Amino acid sequence: MHSVVFPYKLLYRRWLPIIPVLLTWRGLSLRSEAYLDSGAFYSIFKIGVAAQLGLDLSRAKERMFVVADGSFIPARIMKVPIEIGGKRKIADIAFSDRLNIGFNLLGRKDVFDAFDEVVFRESSREVEVRWA
């Protein structure tokens, strides 16, 4: 079994499960960070991440997403290769210029199911991902 432990990151005076992620597209790689969010279904990244990767979002499927305050934001969804802790996966990633929370989100779809277990340890401020 493989296992990687990520320490929480201090942001906005709170310890949050923000972990490193590597996104790739046509030979370009971009290291970024995202909040590992068990309450989110889709992963949503800032539109600037798509621009840095050179993604053409004009052909991407557009969808409205409900965010934490109950409002809706438009986003465009593309399948993007991602890597978390050495584990690679193709994931549906939504990109939006209206994600105004200060960080990217990693949701359950195509991320959590890449692992056998995702363990949040609030007391030690870390998250562990495990896979066979």
N, C-alpha and C. Protein backbone atom coordinates (compact mmCIF):
# COMPACT_ATOMS: atom_id res chain seq x y z
N MET A 1 0.84 -1.18 0.00
CA MET A 1 0.00 0.00 0.00
C MET A 1 0.88 1.24 0.00
N HIS A 2 0.51 2.21 -0.84
CA HIS A 2 1.20 3.50 -0.90
C HIS A 2 0.46 4.49 -0.02
N SER A 3 1.21 5.42 0.54
CA SER A 3 0.61 6.40 1.44
C SER A 3 1.42 7.69 1.39
N VAL A 4 0.72 8.81 1.36
CA VAL A 4 1.37 10.11 1.41
C VAL A 4 0.61 10.96 2.43
N VAL A 5 1.36 11.63 3.29
CA VAL A 5 0.78 12.51 4.30
C VAL A 5 1.13 13.95 3.94
N PHE A 6 0.11 14.78 3.94
CA PHE A 6 0.28 16.20 3.65
C PHE A 6 -0.06 17.00 4.90
N PRO A 7 0.83 17.88 5.34
CA PRO A 7 0.49 18.74 6.47
C PRO A 7 -0.50 19.81 6.03
N TYR A 8 -1.37 20.21 6.94
CA TYR A 8 -2.28 21.31 6.66
C TYR A 8 -1.47 22.58 6.47
N LYS A 9 -2.08 23.54 5.84
CA LYS A 9 -1.43 24.83 5.59
C LYS A 9 -2.18 25.91 6.35
N LEU A 10 -1.43 26.81 6.96
CA LEU A 10 -2.04 27.93 7.67
C LEU A 10 -2.41 29.01 6.66
N LEU A 11 -3.72 29.28 6.58
CA LEU A 11 -4.22 30.28 5.63
C LEU A 11 -5.41 30.98 6.28
N TYR A 12 -5.41 32.29 6.24
CA TYR A 12 -6.49 33.08 6.84
C TYR A 12 -6.66 32.74 8.33
N ARG A 13 -5.53 32.50 9.00
CA ARG A 13 -5.49 32.20 10.44
C ARG A 13 -6.18 30.88 10.80
N ARG A 14 -6.27 29.98 9.82
CA ARG A 14 -6.85 28.65 10.05
C ARG A 14 -5.97 27.60 9.39
N TRP A 15 -5.93 26.43 10.01
CA TRP A 15 -5.21 25.31 9.44
C TRP A 15 -6.16 24.57 8.49
N LEU A 16 -5.77 24.47 7.21
CA LEU A 16 -6.64 23.91 6.18
C LEU A 16 -5.94 22.78 5.42
N PRO A 17 -6.71 21.79 4.95
CA PRO A 17 -6.11 20.69 4.18
C PRO A 17 -5.85 21.12 2.73
N ILE A 18 -4.89 22.02 2.58
CA ILE A 18 -4.48 22.50 1.26
C ILE A 18 -3.23 21.71 0.88
N ILE A 19 -3.33 21.00 -0.25
CA ILE A 19 -2.26 20.08 -0.64
C ILE A 19 -1.71 20.44 -2.02
N PRO A 20 -0.50 20.00 -2.31
CA PRO A 20 0.07 20.26 -3.63
C PRO A 20 -0.53 19.34 -4.69
N VAL A 21 -0.69 19.86 -5.87
CA VAL A 21 -1.21 19.10 -7.00
C VAL A 21 -0.42 19.53 -8.25
N LEU A 22 -0.18 18.58 -9.13
CA LEU A 22 0.50 18.86 -10.39
C LEU A 22 -0.50 18.65 -11.51
N LEU A 23 -0.73 19.67 -12.32
CA LEU A 23 -1.60 19.57 -13.48
C LEU A 23 -0.74 19.60 -14.72
N THR A 24 -1.10 18.82 -15.72
CA THR A 24 -0.33 18.80 -16.97
C THR A 24 -1.27 18.95 -18.16
N TRP A 25 -0.72 19.54 -19.23
CA TRP A 25 -1.49 19.69 -20.45
C TRP A 25 -0.52 19.89 -21.61
N ARG A 26 -0.53 18.94 -22.53
CA ARG A 26 0.28 19.03 -23.76
C ARG A 26 1.72 19.45 -23.49
N GLY A 27 2.37 18.74 -22.59
CA GLY A 27 3.78 18.96 -22.31
C GLY A 27 4.07 20.03 -21.27
N LEU A 28 3.07 20.79 -20.88
CA LEU A 28 3.26 21.80 -19.83
C LEU A 28 2.83 21.22 -18.49
N SER A 29 3.58 21.53 -17.46
CA SER A 29 3.23 21.11 -16.11
C SER A 29 3.13 22.34 -15.22
N LEU A 30 2.15 22.30 -14.32
CA LEU A 30 1.95 23.43 -13.41
C LEU A 30 1.73 22.89 -12.01
N ARG A 31 2.58 23.30 -11.09
CA ARG A 31 2.39 22.96 -9.69
C ARG A 31 1.46 24.00 -9.07
N SER A 32 0.48 23.51 -8.36
CA SER A 32 -0.47 24.38 -7.72
C SER A 32 -0.84 23.79 -6.37
N GLU A 33 -1.78 24.41 -5.70
CA GLU A 33 -2.29 23.91 -4.43
C GLU A 33 -3.81 23.96 -4.49
N ALA A 34 -4.43 23.07 -3.71
CA ALA A 34 -5.88 23.07 -3.66
C ALA A 34 -6.35 22.54 -2.32
N TYR A 35 -7.49 23.03 -1.90
CA TYR A 35 -8.15 22.60 -0.68
C TYR A 35 -8.84 21.27 -0.95
N LEU A 36 -8.47 20.25 -0.22
CA LEU A 36 -9.07 18.92 -0.36
C LEU A 36 -10.41 18.94 0.35
N ASP A 37 -11.50 18.97 -0.43
CA ASP A 37 -12.83 19.28 0.09
C ASP A 37 -13.78 18.09 -0.06
N SER A 38 -13.99 17.36 1.03
CA SER A 38 -14.88 16.20 0.99
C SER A 38 -16.34 16.60 0.79
N GLY A 39 -16.66 17.87 0.94
CA GLY A 39 -18.02 18.34 0.75
C GLY A 39 -18.30 18.83 -0.66
N ALA A 40 -17.27 18.86 -1.51
CA ALA A 40 -17.45 19.30 -2.89
C ALA A 40 -17.46 18.09 -3.82
N PHE A 41 -18.33 18.11 -4.80
CA PHE A 41 -18.35 17.00 -5.76
C PHE A 41 -17.31 17.25 -6.85
N TYR A 42 -17.32 18.42 -7.46
CA TYR A 42 -16.37 18.75 -8.53
C TYR A 42 -15.16 19.50 -7.97
N SER A 43 -14.06 19.38 -8.67
CA SER A 43 -12.89 20.21 -8.41
C SER A 43 -13.06 21.49 -9.21
N ILE A 44 -12.79 22.62 -8.58
CA ILE A 44 -12.90 23.90 -9.25
C ILE A 44 -11.62 24.68 -9.02
N PHE A 45 -11.00 25.11 -10.12
CA PHE A 45 -9.76 25.87 -10.06
C PHE A 45 -9.99 27.26 -10.65
N LYS A 46 -9.15 28.17 -10.23
CA LYS A 46 -9.20 29.53 -10.75
C LYS A 46 -8.90 29.51 -12.25
N ILE A 47 -9.49 30.44 -12.96
CA ILE A 47 -9.33 30.51 -14.42
C ILE A 47 -7.87 30.75 -14.81
N GLY A 48 -7.11 31.41 -13.95
CA GLY A 48 -5.70 31.66 -14.24
C GLY A 48 -4.89 30.39 -14.37
N VAL A 49 -5.30 29.32 -13.68
CA VAL A 49 -4.61 28.03 -13.80
C VAL A 49 -4.78 27.49 -15.22
N ALA A 50 -5.98 27.60 -15.76
CA ALA A 50 -6.24 27.15 -17.14
C ALA A 50 -5.39 27.95 -18.12
N ALA A 51 -5.29 29.25 -17.89
CA ALA A 51 -4.49 30.10 -18.77
C ALA A 51 -3.02 29.72 -18.72
N GLN A 52 -2.51 29.44 -17.52
CA GLN A 52 -1.10 29.07 -17.39
C GLN A 52 -0.81 27.73 -18.08
N LEU A 53 -1.79 26.84 -18.11
CA LEU A 53 -1.61 25.56 -18.78
C LEU A 53 -1.84 25.65 -20.29
N GLY A 54 -2.38 26.75 -20.75
CA GLY A 54 -2.68 26.90 -22.17
C GLY A 54 -3.94 26.16 -22.59
N LEU A 55 -4.85 25.95 -21.66
CA LEU A 55 -6.10 25.26 -21.99
C LEU A 55 -7.02 26.17 -22.80
N ASP A 56 -7.63 25.64 -23.84
CA ASP A 56 -8.62 26.36 -24.63
C ASP A 56 -9.99 26.01 -24.06
N LEU A 57 -10.52 26.89 -23.26
CA LEU A 57 -11.80 26.63 -22.59
C LEU A 57 -13.00 26.96 -23.47
N SER A 58 -12.78 27.49 -24.67
CA SER A 58 -13.91 27.88 -25.53
C SER A 58 -14.75 26.67 -25.94
N ARG A 59 -14.16 25.48 -25.98
CA ARG A 59 -14.90 24.27 -26.35
C ARG A 59 -15.34 23.45 -25.14
N ALA A 60 -14.95 23.88 -23.96
CA ALA A 60 -15.28 23.14 -22.74
C ALA A 60 -16.76 23.29 -22.39
N LYS A 61 -17.29 22.26 -21.77
CA LYS A 61 -18.70 22.28 -21.36
C LYS A 61 -18.88 23.30 -20.24
N GLU A 62 -19.88 24.17 -20.40
CA GLU A 62 -20.15 25.16 -19.36
C GLU A 62 -21.25 24.65 -18.43
N ARG A 63 -21.07 24.95 -17.15
CA ARG A 63 -22.02 24.50 -16.14
C ARG A 63 -22.04 25.52 -15.01
N MET A 64 -23.17 25.60 -14.33
CA MET A 64 -23.30 26.47 -13.16
C MET A 64 -23.08 25.62 -11.91
N PHE A 65 -22.33 26.16 -10.96
CA PHE A 65 -22.04 25.46 -9.71
C PHE A 65 -22.54 26.28 -8.53
N VAL A 66 -23.10 25.59 -7.55
CA VAL A 66 -23.50 26.25 -6.31
C VAL A 66 -22.27 26.29 -5.41
N VAL A 67 -22.00 27.46 -4.84
CA VAL A 67 -20.87 27.60 -3.93
C VAL A 67 -21.39 27.73 -2.49
N ALA A 68 -20.47 27.82 -1.56
CA ALA A 68 -20.80 27.75 -0.13
C ALA A 68 -21.86 28.74 0.33
N ASP A 69 -21.88 29.93 -0.25
CA ASP A 69 -22.87 30.92 0.20
C ASP A 69 -24.23 30.76 -0.48
N GLY A 70 -24.38 29.73 -1.33
CA GLY A 70 -25.64 29.46 -2.00
C GLY A 70 -25.78 30.11 -3.36
N SER A 71 -24.81 30.94 -3.74
CA SER A 71 -24.87 31.57 -5.06
C SER A 71 -24.34 30.61 -6.12
N PHE A 72 -24.56 30.98 -7.38
CA PHE A 72 -24.11 30.16 -8.50
C PHE A 72 -22.96 30.86 -9.22
N ILE A 73 -22.00 30.06 -9.68
CA ILE A 73 -20.92 30.60 -10.50
C ILE A 73 -20.82 29.77 -11.77
N PRO A 74 -20.51 30.41 -12.90
CA PRO A 74 -20.30 29.66 -14.14
C PRO A 74 -18.87 29.10 -14.17
N ALA A 75 -18.74 27.93 -14.75
CA ALA A 75 -17.41 27.32 -14.89
C ALA A 75 -17.39 26.48 -16.15
N ARG A 76 -16.21 26.23 -16.65
CA ARG A 76 -16.03 25.37 -17.82
C ARG A 76 -15.25 24.14 -17.39
N ILE A 77 -15.73 22.96 -17.81
CA ILE A 77 -15.16 21.69 -17.36
C ILE A 77 -14.34 21.04 -18.46
N MET A 78 -13.13 20.60 -18.09
CA MET A 78 -12.26 19.85 -19.00
C MET A 78 -11.64 18.68 -18.26
N LYS A 79 -11.30 17.64 -18.99
CA LYS A 79 -10.56 16.52 -18.44
C LYS A 79 -9.07 16.89 -18.49
N VAL A 80 -8.44 16.88 -17.31
CA VAL A 80 -7.05 17.32 -17.19
C VAL A 80 -6.28 16.28 -16.38
N PRO A 81 -5.10 15.87 -16.85
CA PRO A 81 -4.26 14.97 -16.04
C PRO A 81 -3.76 15.70 -14.79
N ILE A 82 -3.95 15.05 -13.65
CA ILE A 82 -3.47 15.61 -12.39
C ILE A 82 -2.63 14.56 -11.67
N GLU A 83 -1.79 15.03 -10.77
CA GLU A 83 -0.99 14.14 -9.93
C GLU A 83 -1.04 14.66 -8.50
N ILE A 84 -1.36 13.74 -7.59
CA ILE A 84 -1.41 14.06 -6.16
C ILE A 84 -0.59 13.01 -5.42
N GLY A 85 0.48 13.42 -4.78
CA GLY A 85 1.30 12.50 -4.00
C GLY A 85 1.90 11.37 -4.82
N GLY A 86 2.14 11.60 -6.10
CA GLY A 86 2.69 10.57 -6.96
C GLY A 86 1.65 9.74 -7.69
N LYS A 87 0.39 9.90 -7.35
CA LYS A 87 -0.72 9.17 -8.00
C LYS A 87 -1.27 10.03 -9.13
N ARG A 88 -1.29 9.46 -10.35
CA ARG A 88 -1.78 10.20 -11.51
C ARG A 88 -3.19 9.77 -11.88
N LYS A 89 -3.95 10.74 -12.40
CA LYS A 89 -5.35 10.48 -12.73
C LYS A 89 -5.81 11.53 -13.73
N ILE A 90 -6.73 11.17 -14.61
CA ILE A 90 -7.41 12.15 -15.45
C ILE A 90 -8.65 12.58 -14.68
N ALA A 91 -8.83 13.87 -14.51
CA ALA A 91 -9.94 14.36 -13.69
C ALA A 91 -10.72 15.44 -14.43
N ASP A 92 -12.03 15.44 -14.20
CA ASP A 92 -12.86 16.56 -14.65
C ASP A 92 -12.56 17.72 -13.71
N ILE A 93 -12.04 18.80 -14.28
CA ILE A 93 -11.73 19.99 -13.51
C ILE A 93 -12.56 21.14 -14.08
N ALA A 94 -13.25 21.86 -13.21
CA ALA A 94 -13.98 23.04 -13.62
C ALA A 94 -13.09 24.25 -13.39
N PHE A 95 -13.15 25.19 -14.31
CA PHE A 95 -12.36 26.42 -14.20
C PHE A 95 -13.32 27.61 -14.21
N SER A 96 -13.13 28.53 -13.27
CA SER A 96 -14.02 29.68 -13.18
C SER A 96 -13.26 30.93 -12.78
N ASP A 97 -13.69 32.05 -13.36
CA ASP A 97 -13.12 33.34 -12.95
C ASP A 97 -13.92 33.93 -11.79
N ARG A 98 -14.93 33.20 -11.33
CA ARG A 98 -15.76 33.69 -10.23
C ARG A 98 -15.53 32.91 -8.93
N LEU A 99 -14.50 32.07 -8.91
CA LEU A 99 -14.16 31.34 -7.69
C LEU A 99 -13.37 32.29 -6.79
N ASN A 100 -14.06 32.96 -5.92
CA ASN A 100 -13.45 34.03 -5.12
C ASN A 100 -13.27 33.62 -3.67
N ILE A 101 -12.68 32.44 -3.45
CA ILE A 101 -12.49 31.98 -2.08
C ILE A 101 -11.03 31.98 -1.66
N GLY A 102 -10.13 32.31 -2.57
CA GLY A 102 -8.72 32.42 -2.21
C GLY A 102 -7.91 31.16 -2.45
N PHE A 103 -8.56 30.07 -2.87
CA PHE A 103 -7.82 28.85 -3.16
C PHE A 103 -8.65 27.99 -4.12
N ASN A 104 -7.97 27.02 -4.76
CA ASN A 104 -8.62 26.05 -5.63
C ASN A 104 -9.24 24.95 -4.77
N LEU A 105 -10.20 24.22 -5.33
CA LEU A 105 -10.86 23.13 -4.62
C LEU A 105 -10.63 21.80 -5.32
N LEU A 106 -10.34 20.77 -4.54
CA LEU A 106 -10.31 19.40 -5.04
C LEU A 106 -11.53 18.69 -4.46
N GLY A 107 -12.47 18.32 -5.32
CA GLY A 107 -13.69 17.64 -4.90
C GLY A 107 -13.57 16.13 -5.05
N ARG A 108 -14.67 15.45 -4.73
CA ARG A 108 -14.66 13.99 -4.70
C ARG A 108 -14.54 13.37 -6.09
N LYS A 109 -15.22 13.92 -7.09
CA LYS A 109 -15.24 13.31 -8.42
C LYS A 109 -13.83 13.24 -9.01
N ASP A 110 -13.42 12.05 -9.34
CA ASP A 110 -12.13 11.76 -9.99
C ASP A 110 -10.91 12.02 -9.12
N VAL A 111 -11.09 12.53 -7.91
CA VAL A 111 -9.96 12.76 -7.01
C VAL A 111 -10.02 11.77 -5.86
N PHE A 112 -11.06 11.83 -5.06
CA PHE A 112 -11.18 10.94 -3.91
C PHE A 112 -11.24 9.48 -4.37
N ASP A 113 -11.90 9.22 -5.51
CA ASP A 113 -12.00 7.84 -5.95
C ASP A 113 -10.70 7.31 -6.55
N ALA A 114 -9.69 8.15 -6.67
CA ALA A 114 -8.36 7.69 -7.11
C ALA A 114 -7.63 6.99 -5.97
N PHE A 115 -8.12 7.18 -4.74
CA PHE A 115 -7.47 6.63 -3.56
C PHE A 115 -8.37 5.63 -2.86
N ASP A 116 -7.75 4.69 -2.15
CA ASP A 116 -8.52 3.75 -1.34
C ASP A 116 -9.03 4.42 -0.07
N GLU A 117 -8.23 5.33 0.46
CA GLU A 117 -8.61 6.04 1.67
C GLU A 117 -8.08 7.47 1.64
N VAL A 118 -8.89 8.37 2.16
CA VAL A 118 -8.47 9.74 2.41
C VAL A 118 -8.80 9.99 3.88
N VAL A 119 -7.76 10.24 4.68
CA VAL A 119 -7.93 10.36 6.12
C VAL A 119 -7.55 11.77 6.57
N PHE A 120 -8.53 12.49 7.12
CA PHE A 120 -8.29 13.82 7.66
C PHE A 120 -8.00 13.66 9.15
N ARG A 121 -6.87 14.20 9.59
CA ARG A 121 -6.51 14.16 11.01
C ARG A 121 -6.44 15.59 11.52
N GLU A 122 -7.56 16.05 12.02
CA GLU A 122 -7.64 17.44 12.47
C GLU A 122 -6.69 17.72 13.63
N SER A 123 -6.57 16.79 14.57
CA SER A 123 -5.75 17.04 15.75
C SER A 123 -4.27 17.20 15.41
N SER A 124 -3.81 16.48 14.40
CA SER A 124 -2.40 16.61 13.99
C SER A 124 -2.23 17.48 12.75
N ARG A 125 -3.35 18.05 12.27
CA ARG A 125 -3.32 18.97 11.12
C ARG A 125 -2.63 18.34 9.91
N GLU A 126 -3.16 17.19 9.50
CA GLU A 126 -2.61 16.52 8.33
C GLU A 126 -3.70 15.69 7.66
N VAL A 127 -3.48 15.41 6.39
CA VAL A 127 -4.36 14.53 5.63
C VAL A 127 -3.48 13.48 4.97
N GLU A 128 -3.97 12.24 4.99
CA GLU A 128 -3.23 11.12 4.40
C GLU A 128 -4.07 10.52 3.29
N VAL A 129 -3.41 10.24 2.15
CA VAL A 129 -4.07 9.52 1.05
C VAL A 129 -3.36 8.17 0.90
N ARG A 130 -4.17 7.11 0.68
CA ARG A 130 -3.62 5.76 0.56
C ARG A 130 -4.19 5.07 -0.66
N TRP A 131 -3.34 4.29 -1.32
CA TRP A 131 -3.80 3.49 -2.45
C TRP A 131 -2.91 2.25 -2.59
N ALA A 132 -3.47 1.23 -3.26
CA ALA A 132 -2.75 -0.05 -3.44
C ALA A 132 -1.70 0.08 -4.53
